[in-house]
Amino acid sequence: MSSKSPINRTDSDHNISITRKHFTNKGYRVHSGLQFGCELVLYADDPSRVHSDFCVHVVPPDGSLDWRMIQTLTRLVVSTGKTLIVANVKEVTEETTKEKE
Protein backbone atom coordinates (compact mmCIF):
# COMPACT_ATOMS: atom_id res chain seq x y z
CA MET A 1 0.00 0.00 0.00
CA SER A 2 1.24 3.46 -0.89
CA SER A 3 2.18 5.92 1.81
CA LYS A 4 0.81 8.77 -0.29
CA SER A 5 -2.39 10.35 0.90
CA PRO A 6 -5.41 9.86 -1.35
CA ILE A 7 -6.05 12.55 -3.94
CA ASN A 8 -8.63 15.03 -2.78
CA ARG A 9 -11.26 15.26 -5.54
CA THR A 10 -11.82 18.93 -4.74
CA ASP A 11 -8.14 19.65 -5.44
CA SER A 12 -8.35 17.77 -8.75
CA ASP A 13 -11.48 19.68 -9.71
CA HIS A 14 -9.74 22.92 -8.78
CA ASN A 15 -6.76 22.10 -11.05
CA ILE A 16 -9.12 21.21 -13.90
CA SER A 17 -10.93 24.51 -13.38
CA ILE A 18 -7.64 26.44 -13.51
CA THR A 19 -6.64 24.59 -16.68
CA ARG A 20 -10.06 25.23 -18.24
CA LYS A 21 -9.73 28.96 -17.51
CA HIS A 22 -6.19 29.05 -18.95
CA PHE A 23 -7.26 27.60 -22.29
CA THR A 24 -10.45 29.67 -22.41
CA ASN A 25 -8.28 32.79 -21.99
CA LYS A 26 -6.15 31.54 -24.91
CA GLY A 27 -9.26 31.60 -27.11
CA TYR A 28 -10.23 27.92 -27.10
CA ARG A 29 -13.68 26.56 -26.43
CA VAL A 30 -13.17 24.05 -23.65
CA HIS A 31 -15.42 21.04 -23.09
CA SER A 32 -15.36 17.84 -21.05
CA GLY A 33 -13.02 15.23 -22.46
CA LEU A 34 -14.77 12.31 -20.79
CA GLN A 35 -15.73 10.60 -24.05
CA PHE A 36 -12.09 10.80 -25.19
CA GLY A 37 -10.53 9.52 -21.96
CA CYS A 38 -9.11 12.83 -20.75
CA GLU A 39 -10.29 15.72 -18.61
CA LEU A 40 -10.77 18.36 -21.32
CA VAL A 41 -10.93 18.80 -25.10
CA LEU A 42 -10.16 22.05 -26.90
CA TYR A 43 -11.98 23.47 -29.91
CA ALA A 44 -10.61 26.32 -32.02
CA ASP A 45 -14.17 27.29 -33.05
CA ASP A 46 -17.78 26.29 -32.49
CA PRO A 47 -17.91 22.52 -31.78
CA SER A 48 -20.80 22.17 -34.24
CA ARG A 49 -18.46 23.38 -37.03
CA VAL A 50 -15.06 21.88 -36.15
CA HIS A 51 -13.57 18.83 -34.46
CA SER A 52 -11.47 19.26 -31.35
CA ASP A 53 -7.74 19.20 -31.99
CA PHE A 54 -6.47 18.63 -28.47
CA CYS A 55 -7.10 16.34 -25.51
CA VAL A 56 -5.90 17.76 -22.19
CA HIS A 57 -4.85 15.54 -19.29
CA VAL A 58 -4.53 17.44 -16.01
CA VAL A 59 -1.90 15.90 -13.74
CA PRO A 60 -3.35 15.11 -10.29
CA PRO A 61 -2.35 17.42 -7.41
CA ASP A 62 0.07 14.82 -6.06
CA GLY A 63 1.99 14.97 -9.36
CA SER A 64 1.54 11.27 -10.09
CA LEU A 65 1.86 10.35 -13.74
CA ASP A 66 3.04 6.83 -14.43
CA TRP A 67 4.03 5.22 -17.72
CA ARG A 68 0.72 3.32 -17.98
CA MET A 69 -1.23 6.57 -17.98
CA ILE A 70 1.05 8.10 -20.62
CA GLN A 71 0.76 4.95 -22.76
CA THR A 72 -3.04 4.92 -22.46
CA LEU A 73 -3.35 8.61 -23.29
CA THR A 74 -1.02 8.45 -26.29
CA ARG A 75 -2.91 5.48 -27.70
CA LEU A 76 -6.22 7.30 -27.22
CA VAL A 77 -5.12 10.48 -28.96
CA VAL A 78 -3.66 8.59 -31.90
CA SER A 79 -6.90 6.67 -32.38
CA THR A 80 -8.97 9.89 -32.15
CA GLY A 81 -6.66 12.05 -34.28
CA LYS A 82 -5.94 14.54 -31.51
CA THR A 83 -2.82 15.98 -29.91
CA LEU A 84 -2.18 15.33 -26.22
CA ILE A 85 -1.50 18.21 -23.84
CA VAL A 86 -0.36 17.29 -20.34
CA ALA A 87 -1.15 20.16 -17.96
CA ASN A 88 0.59 20.39 -14.60
CA VAL A 89 -0.86 23.07 -12.32
CA LYS A 90 1.66 24.55 -9.91
CA GLU A 91 0.81 26.80 -6.98
CA VAL A 92 2.39 30.23 -7.18
CA THR A 93 4.15 31.12 -3.95
CA GLU A 94 6.64 33.77 -2.93
CA GLU A 95 9.43 31.22 -3.43
CA THR A 96 8.39 30.36 -7.01
CA THR A 97 8.07 34.07 -7.81
CA LYS A 98 11.60 34.75 -6.49
CA GLU A 99 12.99 31.84 -8.55
CA LYS A 100 11.79 33.53 -11.75
CA GLU A 101 13.60 36.79 -10.93
C-alpha atoms as a PDB file:
ATOM      1  CA  MET A   1       0.000   0.000   0.000  1.00  0.00           C
ATOM      2  CA  SER A   2       1.243   3.456  -0.894  1.00  0.00           C
ATOM      3  CA  SER A   3       2.182   5.924   1.813  1.00  0.00           C
ATOM      4  CA  LYS A   4       0.806   8.767  -0.291  1.00  0.00           C
ATOM      5  CA  SER A   5      -2.387  10.349   0.900  1.00  0.00           C
ATOM      6  CA  PRO A   6      -5.409   9.856  -1.350  1.00  0.00           C
ATOM      7  CA  ILE A   7      -6.050  12.546  -3.936  1.00  0.00           C
ATOM      8  CA  ASN A   8      -8.626  15.031  -2.782  1.00  0.00           C
ATOM      9  CA  ARG A   9     -11.258  15.260  -5.541  1.00  0.00           C
ATOM     10  CA  THR A  10     -11.824  18.929  -4.736  1.00  0.00           C
ATOM     11  CA  ASP A  11      -8.136  19.653  -5.439  1.00  0.00           C
ATOM     12  CA  SER A  12      -8.352  17.765  -8.752  1.00  0.00           C
ATOM     13  CA  ASP A  13     -11.484  19.678  -9.710  1.00  0.00           C
ATOM     14  CA  HIS A  14      -9.738  22.924  -8.783  1.00  0.00           C
ATOM     15  CA  ASN A  15      -6.765  22.097 -11.048  1.00  0.00           C
ATOM     16  CA  ILE A  16      -9.120  21.210 -13.903  1.00  0.00           C
ATOM     17  CA  SER A  17     -10.933  24.505 -13.383  1.00  0.00           C
ATOM     18  CA  ILE A  18      -7.644  26.441 -13.514  1.00  0.00           C
ATOM     19  CA  THR A  19      -6.641  24.590 -16.677  1.00  0.00           C
ATOM     20  CA  ARG A  20     -10.059  25.226 -18.243  1.00  0.00           C
ATOM     21  CA  LYS A  21      -9.733  28.956 -17.513  1.00  0.00           C
ATOM     22  CA  HIS A  22      -6.194  29.046 -18.950  1.00  0.00           C
ATOM     23  CA  PHE A  23      -7.263  27.598 -22.292  1.00  0.00           C
ATOM     24  CA  THR A  24     -10.447  29.675 -22.407  1.00  0.00           C
ATOM     25  CA  ASN A  25      -8.280  32.790 -21.993  1.00  0.00           C
ATOM     26  CA  LYS A  26      -6.151  31.544 -24.913  1.00  0.00           C
ATOM     27  CA  GLY A  27      -9.261  31.597 -27.109  1.00  0.00           C
ATOM     28  CA  TYR A  28     -10.232  27.917 -27.100  1.00  0.00           C
ATOM     29  CA  ARG A  29     -13.679  26.556 -26.432  1.00  0.00           C
ATOM     30  CA  VAL A  30     -13.172  24.050 -23.653  1.00  0.00           C
ATOM     31  CA  HIS A  31     -15.420  21.037 -23.094  1.00  0.00           C
ATOM     32  CA  SER A  32     -15.359  17.845 -21.055  1.00  0.00           C
ATOM     33  CA  GLY A  33     -13.018  15.231 -22.461  1.00  0.00           C
ATOM     34  CA  LEU A  34     -14.765  12.309 -20.793  1.00  0.00           C
ATOM     35  CA  GLN A  35     -15.728  10.602 -24.046  1.00  0.00           C
ATOM     36  CA  PHE A  36     -12.087  10.802 -25.194  1.00  0.00           C
ATOM     37  CA  GLY A  37     -10.534   9.516 -21.957  1.00  0.00           C
ATOM     38  CA  CYS A  38      -9.114  12.835 -20.750  1.00  0.00           C
ATOM     39  CA  GLU A  39     -10.288  15.721 -18.614  1.00  0.00           C
ATOM     40  CA  LEU A  40     -10.775  18.357 -21.324  1.00  0.00           C
ATOM     41  CA  VAL A  41     -10.929  18.800 -25.096  1.00  0.00           C
ATOM     42  CA  LEU A  42     -10.159  22.054 -26.902  1.00  0.00           C
ATOM     43  CA  TYR A  43     -11.984  23.471 -29.908  1.00  0.00           C
ATOM     44  CA  ALA A  44     -10.610  26.322 -32.024  1.00  0.00           C
ATOM     45  CA  ASP A  45     -14.172  27.291 -33.053  1.00  0.00           C
ATOM     46  CA  ASP A  46     -17.783  26.292 -32.486  1.00  0.00           C
ATOM     47  CA  PRO A  47     -17.912  22.520 -31.781  1.00  0.00           C
ATOM     48  CA  SER A  48     -20.796  22.175 -34.245  1.00  0.00           C
ATOM     49  CA  ARG A  49     -18.459  23.377 -37.032  1.00  0.00           C
ATOM     50  CA  VAL A  50     -15.063  21.882 -36.145  1.00  0.00           C
ATOM     51  CA  HIS A  51     -13.572  18.832 -34.461  1.00  0.00           C
ATOM     52  CA  SER A  52     -11.471  19.257 -31.348  1.00  0.00           C
ATOM     53  CA  ASP A  53      -7.739  19.204 -31.989  1.00  0.00           C
ATOM     54  CA  PHE A  54      -6.469  18.633 -28.468  1.00  0.00           C
ATOM     55  CA  CYS A  55      -7.098  16.340 -25.510  1.00  0.00           C
ATOM     56  CA  VAL A  56      -5.903  17.757 -22.189  1.00  0.00           C
ATOM     57  CA  HIS A  57      -4.855  15.543 -19.288  1.00  0.00           C
ATOM     58  CA  VAL A  58      -4.530  17.441 -16.009  1.00  0.00           C
ATOM     59  CA  VAL A  59      -1.898  15.903 -13.735  1.00  0.00           C
ATOM     60  CA  PRO A  60      -3.348  15.109 -10.293  1.00  0.00           C
ATOM     61  CA  PRO A  61      -2.351  17.422  -7.415  1.00  0.00           C
ATOM     62  CA  ASP A  62       0.073  14.819  -6.059  1.00  0.00           C
ATOM     63  CA  GLY A  63       1.987  14.966  -9.357  1.00  0.00           C
ATOM     64  CA  SER A  64       1.538  11.273 -10.089  1.00  0.00           C
ATOM     65  CA  LEU A  65       1.861  10.347 -13.743  1.00  0.00           C
ATOM     66  CA  ASP A  66       3.035   6.832 -14.427  1.00  0.00           C
ATOM     67  CA  TRP A  67       4.025   5.225 -17.722  1.00  0.00           C
ATOM     68  CA  ARG A  68       0.721   3.321 -17.980  1.00  0.00           C
ATOM     69  CA  MET A  69      -1.232   6.570 -17.977  1.00  0.00           C
ATOM     70  CA  ILE A  70       1.050   8.096 -20.620  1.00  0.00           C
ATOM     71  CA  GLN A  71       0.758   4.949 -22.758  1.00  0.00           C
ATOM     72  CA  THR A  72      -3.040   4.922 -22.463  1.00  0.00           C
ATOM     73  CA  LEU A  73      -3.353   8.611 -23.292  1.00  0.00           C
ATOM     74  CA  THR A  74      -1.019   8.453 -26.288  1.00  0.00           C
ATOM     75  CA  ARG A  75      -2.908   5.477 -27.702  1.00  0.00           C
ATOM     76  CA  LEU A  76      -6.218   7.299 -27.219  1.00  0.00           C
ATOM     77  CA  VAL A  77      -5.118  10.481 -28.956  1.00  0.00           C
ATOM     78  CA  VAL A  78      -3.663   8.591 -31.903  1.00  0.00           C
ATOM     79  CA  SER A  79      -6.902   6.673 -32.383  1.00  0.00           C
ATOM     80  CA  THR A  80      -8.972   9.885 -32.147  1.00  0.00           C
ATOM     81  CA  GLY A  81      -6.664  12.053 -34.279  1.00  0.00           C
ATOM     82  CA  LYS A  82      -5.945  14.539 -31.506  1.00  0.00           C
ATOM     83  CA  THR A  83      -2.819  15.982 -29.915  1.00  0.00           C
ATOM     84  CA  LEU A  84      -2.179  15.334 -26.224  1.00  0.00           C
ATOM     85  CA  ILE A  85      -1.495  18.207 -23.844  1.00  0.00           C
ATOM     86  CA  VAL A  86      -0.362  17.292 -20.335  1.00  0.00           C
ATOM     87  CA  ALA A  87      -1.151  20.162 -17.957  1.00  0.00           C
ATOM     88  CA  ASN A  88       0.586  20.386 -14.602  1.00  0.00           C
ATOM     89  CA  VAL A  89      -0.860  23.067 -12.319  1.00  0.00           C
ATOM     90  CA  LYS A  90       1.660  24.551  -9.907  1.00  0.00           C
ATOM     91  CA  GLU A  91       0.814  26.795  -6.979  1.00  0.00           C
ATOM     92  CA  VAL A  92       2.391  30.227  -7.175  1.00  0.00           C
ATOM     93  CA  THR A  93       4.150  31.122  -3.950  1.00  0.00           C
ATOM     94  CA  GLU A  94       6.641  33.769  -2.931  1.00  0.00           C
ATOM     95  CA  GLU A  95       9.425  31.223  -3.428  1.00  0.00           C
ATOM     96  CA  THR A  96       8.390  30.363  -7.009  1.00  0.00           C
ATOM     97  CA  THR A  97       8.074  34.069  -7.806  1.00  0.00           C
ATOM     98  CA  LYS A  98      11.603  34.750  -6.488  1.00  0.00           C
ATOM     99  CA  GLU A  99      12.992  31.839  -8.550  1.00  0.00           C
ATOM    100  CA  LYS A 100      11.795  33.530 -11.749  1.00  0.00           C
ATOM    101  CA  GLU A 101      13.602  36.792 -10.931  1.00  0.00           C
END
